[in-house]
Amino acid sequence: MAIQTDDPTGANPRIFTLRALVNNAGIGLALLALIAFFSLSTEFFLTPNNITNILTQITINLILAVGMTFVILIGGIDLSVGSVMAFAAVVAGKAITIPGMGDTELILLACVAGLATGLICGLMNGVISAYWGLPSFIITLGMLNIARGAALQVSEAKTIYSFPFAFEEFGSALIWGIPVVFLVALVITLIAWFVLNRTVFGRLLYGIGNNEEAVRLAGHPVFWYKVAAFTISGLAAGIAAIIYMARLNISSPIAGIGFELNAIAAVIIGGTSLAGGRGSVIGTLLGAFIIGVLANGLILMGLSDFMRQMITGVVIIIAVILDYYRAKYSAS
């Protein structure tokens, strides 16, 4: 039995691309409608400073959501990314504050330590979930607690600070008014798009989400593909930890609480199906923008935290309902 790796749905590639464009166009129109609404509702929304703030604020969620997209495409879920980000930030924070080393060496050591921590946590999630065939919801829920406890233990429940000045400069740097940290997130998004749409690896992830047994019978190592998806999610959490440190100039063991929910929301709003096998990283980018624009606009309108949470929850529910109808359209 063979599997068409260039089109996991089994449909004509042109039809598959058209459907993806329609889905993303709808999400893009929703984003434009939000921007138009808040532009008319408050005079400060479209100011250069506020646009810079929005781009900065969505950076971490976008990075986590891109990693989450790989996991959800295979029909999994990763609830640990927020805690893994905090653990990676604490490990990197310890590394970057080692005395007696130059700033360049400290920054490189911190980046390697943070990325390695996230990667290892993601690898553990993938291996345990794939090897025993256990629900990723339960495994990553366990990792959520392990990583959070480890972050508190390593840091002794204290915030780490006093980073090299060059590291702090990176977190606040702008290029033509665009935050450098957002440009990093955008590059990561483009790389993820290329991997998912232009490589056999990416197409097989879609295939696993659609029909895992067919991929297995075609002779592909499903185990390692699933492990790779979770490892990518963990690596994304490690990258987000470095960005978080550069932005705030601290490493806190309580950072990232609830971030996994925002990342999942961005992926689902972006049109990726929780059942797996359908979605795109461009949709995730638009979903992250919708969440960021919504949060920023509601703050400018003076709404309370409680109202913002309620409205965001309504948007997520609407997105899930729309996903149901998108699935019916794709099936037809």
C-alpha atoms as a PDB file:
ATOM      1  CA  MET A   1       0.000   0.000   0.000  1.00  0.00           C
ATOM      2  CA  ALA A   2       1.345   3.442  -0.906  1.00  0.00           C
ATOM      3  CA  ILE A   3       0.558   6.843   0.475  1.00  0.00           C
ATOM      4  CA  GLN A   4       0.524  10.060  -1.498  1.00  0.00           C
ATOM      5  CA  THR A   5       2.923  12.129   0.590  1.00  0.00           C
ATOM      6  CA  ASP A   6       2.336  15.264  -1.450  1.00  0.00           C
ATOM      7  CA  ASP A   7      -1.369  15.288  -0.629  1.00  0.00           C
ATOM      8  CA  PRO A   8      -2.327  13.470   2.580  1.00  0.00           C
ATOM      9  CA  THR A   9      -6.001  14.044   2.071  1.00  0.00           C
ATOM     10  CA  GLY A  10      -5.967  11.985  -1.078  1.00  0.00           C
ATOM     11  CA  ALA A  11      -7.539  14.884  -2.980  1.00  0.00           C
ATOM     12  CA  ASN A  12      -6.236  16.721  -5.987  1.00  0.00           C
ATOM     13  CA  PRO A  13      -3.367  19.018  -4.877  1.00  0.00           C
ATOM     14  CA  ARG A  14      -4.932  22.041  -6.567  1.00  0.00           C
ATOM     15  CA  ILE A  15      -8.229  21.465  -4.768  1.00  0.00           C
ATOM     16  CA  PHE A  16      -6.367  20.978  -1.486  1.00  0.00           C
ATOM     17  CA  THR A  17      -4.506  24.283  -1.982  1.00  0.00           C
ATOM     18  CA  LEU A  18      -7.723  26.097  -2.931  1.00  0.00           C
ATOM     19  CA  ARG A  19      -9.426  24.931   0.234  1.00  0.00           C
ATOM     20  CA  ALA A  20      -6.456  26.069   2.326  1.00  0.00           C
ATOM     21  CA  LEU A  21      -6.591  29.492   0.662  1.00  0.00           C
ATOM     22  CA  VAL A  22     -10.333  29.786   1.322  1.00  0.00           C
ATOM     23  CA  ASN A  23      -9.878  28.885   4.981  1.00  0.00           C
ATOM     24  CA  ASN A  24      -7.003  31.329   5.488  1.00  0.00           C
ATOM     25  CA  ALA A  25      -8.833  34.039   3.551  1.00  0.00           C
ATOM     26  CA  GLY A  26     -11.751  33.758   5.952  1.00  0.00           C
ATOM     27  CA  ILE A  27      -9.435  34.069   8.946  1.00  0.00           C
ATOM     28  CA  GLY A  28      -7.692  37.010   7.299  1.00  0.00           C
ATOM     29  CA  LEU A  29     -11.028  38.763   6.732  1.00  0.00           C
ATOM     30  CA  ALA A  30     -11.917  38.234  10.393  1.00  0.00           C
ATOM     31  CA  LEU A  31      -8.602  39.822  11.381  1.00  0.00           C
ATOM     32  CA  LEU A  32      -9.200  42.803   9.077  1.00  0.00           C
ATOM     33  CA  ALA A  33     -12.692  43.226  10.546  1.00  0.00           C
ATOM     34  CA  LEU A  34     -11.238  43.303  14.061  1.00  0.00           C
ATOM     35  CA  ILE A  35      -8.628  45.865  13.040  1.00  0.00           C
ATOM     36  CA  ALA A  36     -11.296  48.035  11.411  1.00  0.00           C
ATOM     37  CA  PHE A  37     -13.551  47.805  14.469  1.00  0.00           C
ATOM     38  CA  PHE A  38     -10.854  48.786  16.963  1.00  0.00           C
ATOM     39  CA  SER A  39      -9.538  51.515  14.652  1.00  0.00           C
ATOM     40  CA  LEU A  40     -12.985  53.127  14.721  1.00  0.00           C
ATOM     41  CA  SER A  41     -13.480  52.469  18.437  1.00  0.00           C
ATOM     42  CA  THR A  42     -10.260  54.022  19.732  1.00  0.00           C
ATOM     43  CA  GLU A  43      -7.930  56.612  18.261  1.00  0.00           C
ATOM     44  CA  PHE A  44      -4.818  54.969  19.707  1.00  0.00           C
ATOM     45  CA  PHE A  45      -5.156  51.581  18.060  1.00  0.00           C
ATOM     46  CA  LEU A  46      -3.394  52.307  14.758  1.00  0.00           C
ATOM     47  CA  THR A  47      -0.616  54.448  16.219  1.00  0.00           C
ATOM     48  CA  PRO A  48       2.951  53.263  15.459  1.00  0.00           C
ATOM     49  CA  ASN A  49       3.693  52.653  19.135  1.00  0.00           C
ATOM     50  CA  ASN A  50       0.616  50.485  19.583  1.00  0.00           C
ATOM     51  CA  ILE A  51       1.312  48.471  16.431  1.00  0.00           C
ATOM     52  CA  THR A  52       4.827  47.828  17.771  1.00  0.00           C
ATOM     53  CA  ASN A  53       3.292  46.753  21.084  1.00  0.00           C
ATOM     54  CA  ILE A  54       0.952  44.294  19.353  1.00  0.00           C
ATOM     55  CA  LEU A  55       3.793  42.735  17.372  1.00  0.00           C
ATOM     56  CA  THR A  56       5.885  42.406  20.532  1.00  0.00           C
ATOM     57  CA  GLN A  57       3.034  40.964  22.560  1.00  0.00           C
ATOM     58  CA  ILE A  58       2.128  38.225  20.079  1.00  0.00           C
ATOM     59  CA  THR A  59       5.717  37.050  19.577  1.00  0.00           C
ATOM     60  CA  ILE A  60       5.893  34.416  22.312  1.00  0.00           C
ATOM     61  CA  ASN A  61       2.406  33.081  21.633  1.00  0.00           C
ATOM     62  CA  LEU A  62       3.176  32.843  17.922  1.00  0.00           C
ATOM     63  CA  ILE A  63       6.340  30.810  18.528  1.00  0.00           C
ATOM     64  CA  LEU A  64       4.566  28.443  20.924  1.00  0.00           C
ATOM     65  CA  ALA A  65       1.591  28.149  18.556  1.00  0.00           C
ATOM     66  CA  VAL A  66       3.807  27.273  15.578  1.00  0.00           C
ATOM     67  CA  GLY A  67       5.309  24.401  17.579  1.00  0.00           C
ATOM     68  CA  MET A  68       1.831  23.395  18.763  1.00  0.00           C
ATOM     69  CA  THR A  69       0.648  23.224  15.141  1.00  0.00           C
ATOM     70  CA  PHE A  70       2.985  20.293  14.456  1.00  0.00           C
ATOM     71  CA  VAL A  71       1.532  18.360  17.406  1.00  0.00           C
ATOM     72  CA  ILE A  72      -2.109  19.104  16.650  1.00  0.00           C
ATOM     73  CA  LEU A  73      -1.649  18.151  12.988  1.00  0.00           C
ATOM     74  CA  ILE A  74      -0.876  14.574  14.071  1.00  0.00           C
ATOM     75  CA  GLY A  75      -3.934  14.546  16.328  1.00  0.00           C
ATOM     76  CA  GLY A  76      -2.060  15.274  19.565  1.00  0.00           C
ATOM     77  CA  ILE A  77      -1.971  18.095  22.087  1.00  0.00           C
ATOM     78  CA  ASP A  78       0.837  19.622  24.165  1.00  0.00           C
ATOM     79  CA  LEU A  79      -0.298  21.113  27.465  1.00  0.00           C
ATOM     80  CA  SER A  80       3.242  21.485  28.782  1.00  0.00           C
ATOM     81  CA  VAL A  81       4.633  24.299  26.606  1.00  0.00           C
ATOM     82  CA  GLY A  82       4.035  27.071  29.155  1.00  0.00           C
ATOM     83  CA  SER A  83       5.781  25.193  31.961  1.00  0.00           C
ATOM     84  CA  VAL A  84       8.548  23.952  29.649  1.00  0.00           C
ATOM     85  CA  MET A  85       9.125  27.565  28.611  1.00  0.00           C
ATOM     86  CA  ALA A  86       9.486  28.578  32.276  1.00  0.00           C
ATOM     87  CA  PHE A  87      11.875  25.672  32.969  1.00  0.00           C
ATOM     88  CA  ALA A  88      13.971  26.495  29.904  1.00  0.00           C
ATOM     89  CA  ALA A  89      14.070  30.165  30.916  1.00  0.00           C
ATOM     90  CA  VAL A  90      15.255  29.301  34.414  1.00  0.00           C
ATOM     91  CA  VAL A  91      17.981  26.977  33.111  1.00  0.00           C
ATOM     92  CA  ALA A  92      19.073  29.627  30.599  1.00  0.00           C
ATOM     93  CA  GLY A  93      18.899  32.272  33.341  1.00  0.00           C
ATOM     94  CA  LYS A  94      21.218  30.250  35.542  1.00  0.00           C
ATOM     95  CA  ALA A  95      23.616  29.836  32.615  1.00  0.00           C
ATOM     96  CA  ILE A  96      23.665  33.500  31.630  1.00  0.00           C
ATOM     97  CA  THR A  97      24.482  34.654  35.173  1.00  0.00           C
ATOM     98  CA  ILE A  98      27.529  32.407  35.695  1.00  0.00           C
ATOM     99  CA  PRO A  99      30.318  34.664  36.983  1.00  0.00           C
ATOM    100  CA  GLY A 100      33.727  34.970  35.355  1.00  0.00           C
ATOM    101  CA  MET A 101      32.685  34.605  31.695  1.00  0.00           C
ATOM    102  CA  GLY A 102      32.394  37.109  28.853  1.00  0.00           C
ATOM    103  CA  ASP A 103      29.019  38.395  27.687  1.00  0.00           C
ATOM    104  CA  THR A 104      29.185  36.629  24.312  1.00  0.00           C
ATOM    105  CA  GLU A 105      30.016  33.284  25.912  1.00  0.00           C
ATOM    106  CA  LEU A 106      27.246  33.726  28.493  1.00  0.00           C
ATOM    107  CA  ILE A 107      24.619  34.552  25.863  1.00  0.00           C
ATOM    108  CA  LEU A 108      25.607  31.585  23.680  1.00  0.00           C
ATOM    109  CA  LEU A 109      25.641  29.248  26.693  1.00  0.00           C
ATOM    110  CA  ALA A 110      22.207  30.489  27.790  1.00  0.00           C
ATOM    111  CA  CYS A 111      20.738  29.992  24.308  1.00  0.00           C
ATOM    112  CA  VAL A 112      22.113  26.458  24.055  1.00  0.00           C
ATOM    113  CA  ALA A 113      20.920  25.599  27.576  1.00  0.00           C
ATOM    114  CA  GLY A 114      17.413  26.961  27.001  1.00  0.00           C
ATOM    115  CA  LEU A 115      16.957  25.317  23.604  1.00  0.00           C
ATOM    116  CA  ALA A 116      18.339  21.991  24.850  1.00  0.00           C
ATOM    117  CA  THR A 117      15.996  22.030  27.848  1.00  0.00           C
ATOM    118  CA  GLY A 118      12.941  22.611  25.676  1.00  0.00           C
ATOM    119  CA  LEU A 119      14.046  20.018  23.143  1.00  0.00           C
ATOM    120  CA  ILE A 120      14.628  17.332  25.792  1.00  0.00           C
ATOM    121  CA  CYS A 121      11.236  17.956  27.420  1.00  0.00           C
ATOM    122  CA  GLY A 122       9.512  17.729  24.023  1.00  0.00           C
ATOM    123  CA  LEU A 123      11.466  14.575  23.184  1.00  0.00           C
ATOM    124  CA  MET A 124      10.323  12.954  26.432  1.00  0.00           C
ATOM    125  CA  ASN A 125       6.696  13.875  25.690  1.00  0.00           C
ATOM    126  CA  GLY A 126       6.943  12.333  22.232  1.00  0.00           C
ATOM    127  CA  VAL A 127       8.745   9.141  23.204  1.00  0.00           C
ATOM    128  CA  ILE A 128       6.455   8.321  26.133  1.00  0.00           C
ATOM    129  CA  SER A 129       3.268   9.149  24.227  1.00  0.00           C
ATOM    130  CA  ALA A 130       4.254   7.357  21.000  1.00  0.00           C
ATOM    131  CA  TYR A 131       5.957   4.282  22.486  1.00  0.00           C
ATOM    132  CA  TRP A 132       3.108   3.315  24.798  1.00  0.00           C
ATOM    133  CA  GLY A 133       0.353   4.773  22.613  1.00  0.00           C
ATOM    134  CA  LEU A 134      -0.862   6.915  25.505  1.00  0.00           C
ATOM    135  CA  PRO A 135      -3.037  10.034  25.117  1.00  0.00           C
ATOM    136  CA  SER A 136      -0.755  13.024  24.697  1.00  0.00           C
ATOM    137  CA  PHE A 137      -3.199  15.051  26.805  1.00  0.00           C
ATOM    138  CA  ILE A 138      -2.268  13.010  29.896  1.00  0.00           C
ATOM    139  CA  ILE A 139       1.462  12.773  29.175  1.00  0.00           C
ATOM    140  CA  THR A 140       1.895  16.492  28.563  1.00  0.00           C
ATOM    141  CA  LEU A 141      -0.268  17.291  31.584  1.00  0.00           C
ATOM    142  CA  GLY A 142       2.246  15.314  33.624  1.00  0.00           C
ATOM    143  CA  MET A 143       5.131  17.158  31.956  1.00  0.00           C
ATOM    144  CA  LEU A 144       3.383  20.439  32.791  1.00  0.00           C
ATOM    145  CA  ASN A 145       3.734  19.644  36.483  1.00  0.00           C
ATOM    146  CA  ILE A 146       7.238  18.167  36.163  1.00  0.00           C
ATOM    147  CA  ALA A 147       8.607  21.194  34.283  1.00  0.00           C
ATOM    148  CA  ARG A 148       6.937  23.709  36.602  1.00  0.00           C
ATOM    149  CA  GLY A 149       8.253  21.915  39.664  1.00  0.00           C
ATOM    150  CA  ALA A 150      11.718  21.698  38.115  1.00  0.00           C
ATOM    151  CA  ALA A 151      11.664  25.436  37.348  1.00  0.00           C
ATOM    152  CA  LEU A 152      10.807  26.232  40.956  1.00  0.00           C
ATOM    153  CA  GLN A 153      13.425  23.787  42.251  1.00  0.00           C
ATOM    154  CA  VAL A 154      16.285  24.981  40.037  1.00  0.00           C
ATOM    155  CA  SER A 155      15.569  28.664  40.733  1.00  0.00           C
ATOM    156  CA  GLU A 156      14.729  28.063  44.401  1.00  0.00           C
ATOM    157  CA  ALA A 157      11.442  29.833  43.607  1.00  0.00           C
ATOM    158  CA  LYS A 158      13.338  33.073  42.923  1.00  0.00           C
ATOM    159  CA  THR A 159      13.425  35.349  39.911  1.00  0.00           C
ATOM    160  CA  ILE A 160      16.770  35.475  38.082  1.00  0.00           C
ATOM    161  CA  TYR A 161      17.954  38.795  36.659  1.00  0.00           C
ATOM    162  CA  SER A 162      21.054  40.917  35.832  1.00  0.00           C
ATOM    163  CA  PHE A 163      21.589  39.753  32.261  1.00  0.00           C
ATOM    164  CA  PRO A 164      24.256  41.124  29.904  1.00  0.00           C
ATOM    165  CA  PHE A 165      23.362  44.469  28.360  1.00  0.00           C
ATOM    166  CA  ALA A 166      23.698  43.131  24.800  1.00  0.00           C
ATOM    167  CA  PHE A 167      21.044  40.519  25.579  1.00  0.00           C
ATOM    168  CA  GLU A 168      18.680  43.198  26.894  1.00  0.00           C
ATOM    169  CA  GLU A 169      19.306  45.329  23.791  1.00  0.00           C
ATOM    170  CA  PHE A 170      18.274  42.453  21.551  1.00  0.00           C
ATOM    171  CA  GLY A 171      14.931  42.154  23.336  1.00  0.00           C
ATOM    172  CA  SER A 172      14.034  45.802  22.720  1.00  0.00           C
ATOM    173  CA  ALA A 173      15.668  46.307  19.298  1.00  0.00           C
ATOM    174  CA  LEU A 174      13.620  47.581  16.352  1.00  0.00           C
ATOM    175  CA  ILE A 175      14.174  47.422  12.595  1.00  0.00           C
ATOM    176  CA  TRP A 176      12.088  50.015  10.724  1.00  0.00           C
ATOM    177  CA  GLY A 177       9.761  50.098  13.712  1.00  0.00           C
ATOM    178  CA  ILE A 178       9.304  46.300  13.758  1.00  0.00           C
ATOM    179  CA  PRO A 179      10.516  44.459  16.887  1.00  0.00           C
ATOM    180  CA  VAL A 180      13.441  42.137  16.164  1.00  0.00           C
ATOM    181  CA  VAL A 181      11.867  39.476  18.373  1.00  0.00           C
ATOM    182  CA  PHE A 182       8.786  39.476  16.128  1.00  0.00           C
ATOM    183  CA  LEU A 183      10.988  39.111  13.055  1.00  0.00           C
ATOM    184  CA  VAL A 184      12.542  36.050  14.709  1.00  0.00           C
ATOM    185  CA  ALA A 185       9.049  34.610  15.238  1.00  0.00           C
ATOM    186  CA  LEU A 186       8.175  35.384  11.617  1.00  0.00           C
ATOM    187  CA  VAL A 187      11.277  33.569  10.342  1.00  0.00           C
ATOM    188  CA  ILE A 188      10.360  30.560  12.494  1.00  0.00           C
ATOM    189  CA  THR A 189       6.859  30.635  11.017  1.00  0.00           C
ATOM    190  CA  LEU A 190       8.211  30.682   7.461  1.00  0.00           C
ATOM    191  CA  ILE A 191      10.576  27.792   8.199  1.00  0.00           C
ATOM    192  CA  ALA A 192       7.669  25.808   9.673  1.00  0.00           C
ATOM    193  CA  TRP A 193       5.561  26.584   6.592  1.00  0.00           C
ATOM    194  CA  PHE A 194       8.321  25.294   4.329  1.00  0.00           C
ATOM    195  CA  VAL A 195       8.755  22.113   6.378  1.00  0.00           C
ATOM    196  CA  LEU A 196       5.035  21.345   6.429  1.00  0.00           C
ATOM    197  CA  ASN A 197       4.331  22.171   2.795  1.00  0.00           C
ATOM    198  CA  ARG A 198       7.513  21.461   0.884  1.00  0.00           C
ATOM    199  CA  THR A 199       9.034  18.394   2.560  1.00  0.00           C
ATOM    200  CA  VAL A 200       8.070  14.731   2.771  1.00  0.00           C
ATOM    201  CA  PHE A 201       8.334  14.980   6.555  1.00  0.00           C
ATOM    202  CA  GLY A 202       5.687  17.692   6.681  1.00  0.00           C
ATOM    203  CA  ARG A 203       3.308  15.934   4.333  1.00  0.00           C
ATOM    204  CA  LEU A 204       3.597  12.729   6.339  1.00  0.00           C
ATOM    205  CA  LEU A 205       2.608  14.623   9.482  1.00  0.00           C
ATOM    206  CA  TYR A 206      -0.604  15.540   7.683  1.00  0.00           C
ATOM    207  CA  GLY A 207      -0.903  11.903   6.636  1.00  0.00           C
ATOM    208  CA  ILE A 208      -0.577  10.677  10.223  1.00  0.00           C
ATOM    209  CA  GLY A 209      -3.307  13.070  11.311  1.00  0.00           C
ATOM    210  CA  ASN A 210      -5.605  11.839   8.543  1.00  0.00           C
ATOM    211  CA  ASN A 211      -4.886   8.104   8.601  1.00  0.00           C
ATOM    212  CA  GLU A 212      -2.068   6.912  10.835  1.00  0.00           C
ATOM    213  CA  GLU A 213      -2.553   3.265   9.921  1.00  0.00           C
ATOM    214  CA  ALA A 214      -2.183   4.000   6.208  1.00  0.00           C
ATOM    215  CA  VAL A 215       1.117   5.773   6.850  1.00  0.00           C
ATOM    216  CA  ARG A 216       2.325   2.835   8.929  1.00  0.00           C
ATOM    217  CA  LEU A 217       1.317   0.263   6.311  1.00  0.00           C
ATOM    218  CA  ALA A 218       3.138   2.326   3.683  1.00  0.00           C
ATOM    219  CA  GLY A 219       6.345   1.583   5.594  1.00  0.00           C
ATOM    220  CA  HIS A 220       6.955   4.969   7.204  1.00  0.00           C
ATOM    221  CA  PRO A 221       8.274   5.105  10.825  1.00  0.00           C
ATOM    222  CA  VAL A 222       5.214   6.681  12.456  1.00  0.00           C
ATOM    223  CA  PHE A 223       6.837   6.479  15.895  1.00  0.00           C
ATOM    224  CA  TRP A 224       9.702   8.797  14.968  1.00  0.00           C
ATOM    225  CA  TYR A 225       7.485  11.238  13.110  1.00  0.00           C
ATOM    226  CA  LYS A 226       5.275  11.609  16.177  1.00  0.00           C
ATOM    227  CA  VAL A 227       8.318  11.990  18.420  1.00  0.00           C
ATOM    228  CA  ALA A 228       9.666  14.656  16.056  1.00  0.00           C
ATOM    229  CA  ALA A 229       6.421  16.640  16.222  1.00  0.00           C
ATOM    230  CA  PHE A 230       6.551  16.814  20.023  1.00  0.00           C
ATOM    231  CA  THR A 231      10.270  17.575  19.949  1.00  0.00           C
ATOM    232  CA  ILE A 232       9.622  20.533  17.650  1.00  0.00           C
ATOM    233  CA  SER A 233       6.987  21.791  20.073  1.00  0.00           C
ATOM    234  CA  GLY A 234       9.467  21.538  22.945  1.00  0.00           C
ATOM    235  CA  LEU A 235      12.146  23.303  20.905  1.00  0.00           C
ATOM    236  CA  ALA A 236       9.670  26.098  20.171  1.00  0.00           C
ATOM    237  CA  ALA A 237       9.091  26.447  23.921  1.00  0.00           C
ATOM    238  CA  GLY A 238      12.866  26.759  24.383  1.00  0.00           C
ATOM    239  CA  ILE A 239      13.038  29.511  21.744  1.00  0.00           C
ATOM    240  CA  ALA A 240      10.103  31.283  23.388  1.00  0.00           C
ATOM    241  CA  ALA A 241      11.988  31.137  26.710  1.00  0.00           C
ATOM    242  CA  ILE A 242      14.977  32.971  25.207  1.00  0.00           C
ATOM    243  CA  ILE A 243      12.688  35.613  23.685  1.00  0.00           C
ATOM    244  CA  TYR A 244      10.872  35.984  27.009  1.00  0.00           C
ATOM    245  CA  MET A 245      14.166  36.548  28.820  1.00  0.00           C
ATOM    246  CA  ALA A 246      15.359  39.094  26.269  1.00  0.00           C
ATOM    247  CA  ARG A 247      12.079  41.014  26.421  1.00  0.00           C
ATOM    248  CA  LEU A 248      11.637  41.188  30.188  1.00  0.00           C
ATOM    249  CA  ASN A 249      15.283  40.823  31.304  1.00  0.00           C
ATOM    250  CA  ILE A 250      14.297  38.234  33.904  1.00  0.00           C
ATOM    251  CA  SER A 251      13.783  34.489  34.268  1.00  0.00           C
ATOM    252  CA  SER A 252      10.822  33.636  36.472  1.00  0.00           C
ATOM    253  CA  PRO A 253       9.806  30.099  37.504  1.00  0.00           C
ATOM    254  CA  ILE A 254       6.144  31.162  37.367  1.00  0.00           C
ATOM    255  CA  ALA A 255       6.346  32.470  33.793  1.00  0.00           C
ATOM    256  CA  GLY A 256       4.169  30.966  31.088  1.00  0.00           C
ATOM    257  CA  ILE A 257       1.151  30.065  33.210  1.00  0.00           C
ATOM    258  CA  GLY A 258      -1.762  29.618  30.803  1.00  0.00           C
ATOM    259  CA  PHE A 259       0.428  30.143  27.730  1.00  0.00           C
ATOM    260  CA  GLU A 260      -0.390  26.661  26.467  1.00  0.00           C
ATOM    261  CA  LEU A 261      -4.070  27.612  26.263  1.00  0.00           C
ATOM    262  CA  ASN A 262      -3.305  30.753  24.259  1.00  0.00           C
ATOM    263  CA  ALA A 263      -1.128  28.723  21.893  1.00  0.00           C
ATOM    264  CA  ILE A 264      -3.850  26.108  21.381  1.00  0.00           C
ATOM    265  CA  ALA A 265      -6.391  28.881  20.842  1.00  0.00           C
ATOM    266  CA  ALA A 266      -4.221  30.495  18.144  1.00  0.00           C
ATOM    267  CA  VAL A 267      -3.888  27.161  16.334  1.00  0.00           C
ATOM    268  CA  ILE A 268      -7.618  26.393  16.485  1.00  0.00           C
ATOM    269  CA  ILE A 269      -8.696  29.912  15.529  1.00  0.00           C
ATOM    270  CA  GLY A 270      -6.222  29.583  12.653  1.00  0.00           C
ATOM    271  CA  GLY A 271      -8.210  26.676  11.251  1.00  0.00           C
ATOM    272  CA  THR A 272      -6.161  23.653  12.316  1.00  0.00           C
ATOM    273  CA  SER A 273      -8.441  20.768  13.270  1.00  0.00           C
ATOM    274  CA  LEU A 274      -8.095  19.235  16.726  1.00  0.00           C
ATOM    275  CA  ALA A 275      -8.715  15.878  15.057  1.00  0.00           C
ATOM    276  CA  GLY A 276      -5.477  16.330  13.113  1.00  0.00           C
ATOM    277  CA  GLY A 277      -4.584  16.170   9.443  1.00  0.00           C
ATOM    278  CA  ARG A 278      -5.905  19.585   8.456  1.00  0.00           C
ATOM    279  CA  GLY A 279      -4.606  23.099   8.984  1.00  0.00           C
ATOM    280  CA  SER A 280      -1.721  25.403   8.184  1.00  0.00           C
ATOM    281  CA  VAL A 281       0.953  27.387   9.956  1.00  0.00           C
ATOM    282  CA  ILE A 282      -0.153  30.524   8.074  1.00  0.00           C
ATOM    283  CA  GLY A 283      -3.546  30.082   9.686  1.00  0.00           C
ATOM    284  CA  THR A 284      -1.763  29.817  13.037  1.00  0.00           C
ATOM    285  CA  LEU A 285      -0.001  33.124  12.314  1.00  0.00           C
ATOM    286  CA  LEU A 286      -3.356  34.774  11.606  1.00  0.00           C
ATOM    287  CA  GLY A 287      -4.853  33.153  14.703  1.00  0.00           C
ATOM    288  CA  ALA A 288      -2.066  34.562  16.881  1.00  0.00           C
ATOM    289  CA  PHE A 289      -2.703  37.992  15.356  1.00  0.00           C
ATOM    290  CA  ILE A 290      -6.429  37.728  16.097  1.00  0.00           C
ATOM    291  CA  ILE A 291      -5.765  36.908  19.757  1.00  0.00           C
ATOM    292  CA  GLY A 292      -3.183  39.698  20.058  1.00  0.00           C
ATOM    293  CA  VAL A 293      -5.313  42.324  18.308  1.00  0.00           C
ATOM    294  CA  LEU A 294      -8.371  41.323  20.336  1.00  0.00           C
ATOM    295  CA  ALA A 295      -6.522  41.568  23.655  1.00  0.00           C
ATOM    296  CA  ASN A 296      -4.904  44.885  22.773  1.00  0.00           C
ATOM    297  CA  GLY A 297      -8.083  46.440  21.420  1.00  0.00           C
ATOM    298  CA  LEU A 298     -10.158  45.440  24.437  1.00  0.00           C
ATOM    299  CA  ILE A 299      -7.542  46.970  26.760  1.00  0.00           C
ATOM    300  CA  LEU A 300      -7.657  50.247  24.820  1.00  0.00           C
ATOM    301  CA  MET A 301     -11.446  50.210  25.101  1.00  0.00           C
ATOM    302  CA  GLY A 302     -11.084  50.002  28.882  1.00  0.00           C
ATOM    303  CA  LEU A 303     -12.617  46.573  29.416  1.00  0.00           C
ATOM    304  CA  SER A 304     -11.710  44.660  32.567  1.00  0.00           C
ATOM    305  CA  ASP A 305      -9.581  41.510  32.641  1.00  0.00           C
ATOM    306  CA  PHE A 306     -12.703  39.463  33.369  1.00  0.00           C
ATOM    307  CA  MET A 307     -14.547  40.792  30.343  1.00  0.00           C
ATOM    308  CA  ARG A 308     -11.509  40.230  28.110  1.00  0.00           C
ATOM    309  CA  GLN A 309     -11.294  36.608  29.235  1.00  0.00           C
ATOM    310  CA  MET A 310     -14.993  36.088  28.556  1.00  0.00           C
ATOM    311  CA  ILE A 311     -14.823  37.628  25.080  1.00  0.00           C
ATOM    312  CA  THR A 312     -11.701  35.644  24.191  1.00  0.00           C
ATOM    313  CA  GLY A 313     -13.481  32.468  25.310  1.00  0.00           C
ATOM    314  CA  VAL A 314     -16.460  33.277  23.084  1.00  0.00           C
ATOM    315  CA  VAL A 315     -14.116  33.813  20.116  1.00  0.00           C
ATOM    316  CA  ILE A 316     -12.507  30.403  20.723  1.00  0.00           C
ATOM    317  CA  ILE A 317     -15.907  28.676  20.859  1.00  0.00           C
ATOM    318  CA  ILE A 318     -16.981  30.395  17.643  1.00  0.00           C
ATOM    319  CA  ALA A 319     -13.721  29.269  16.023  1.00  0.00           C
ATOM    320  CA  VAL A 320     -14.414  25.647  16.985  1.00  0.00           C
ATOM    321  CA  ILE A 321     -17.942  25.884  15.557  1.00  0.00           C
ATOM    322  CA  LEU A 322     -16.567  27.335  12.320  1.00  0.00           C
ATOM    323  CA  ASP A 323     -14.012  24.521  12.228  1.00  0.00           C
ATOM    324  CA  TYR A 324     -16.912  22.052  12.310  1.00  0.00           C
ATOM    325  CA  TYR A 325     -18.404  23.629   9.185  1.00  0.00           C
ATOM    326  CA  ARG A 326     -15.005  23.857   7.502  1.00  0.00           C
ATOM    327  CA  ALA A 327     -14.627  20.119   8.050  1.00  0.00           C
ATOM    328  CA  LYS A 328     -18.015  19.475   6.453  1.00  0.00           C
ATOM    329  CA  TYR A 329     -17.042  21.660   3.487  1.00  0.00           C
ATOM    330  CA  SER A 330     -13.733  19.801   3.064  1.00  0.00           C
ATOM    331  CA  ALA A 331     -15.511  16.451   3.232  1.00  0.00           C
ATOM    332  CA  SER A 332     -17.895  17.519   0.481  1.00  0.00           C
END
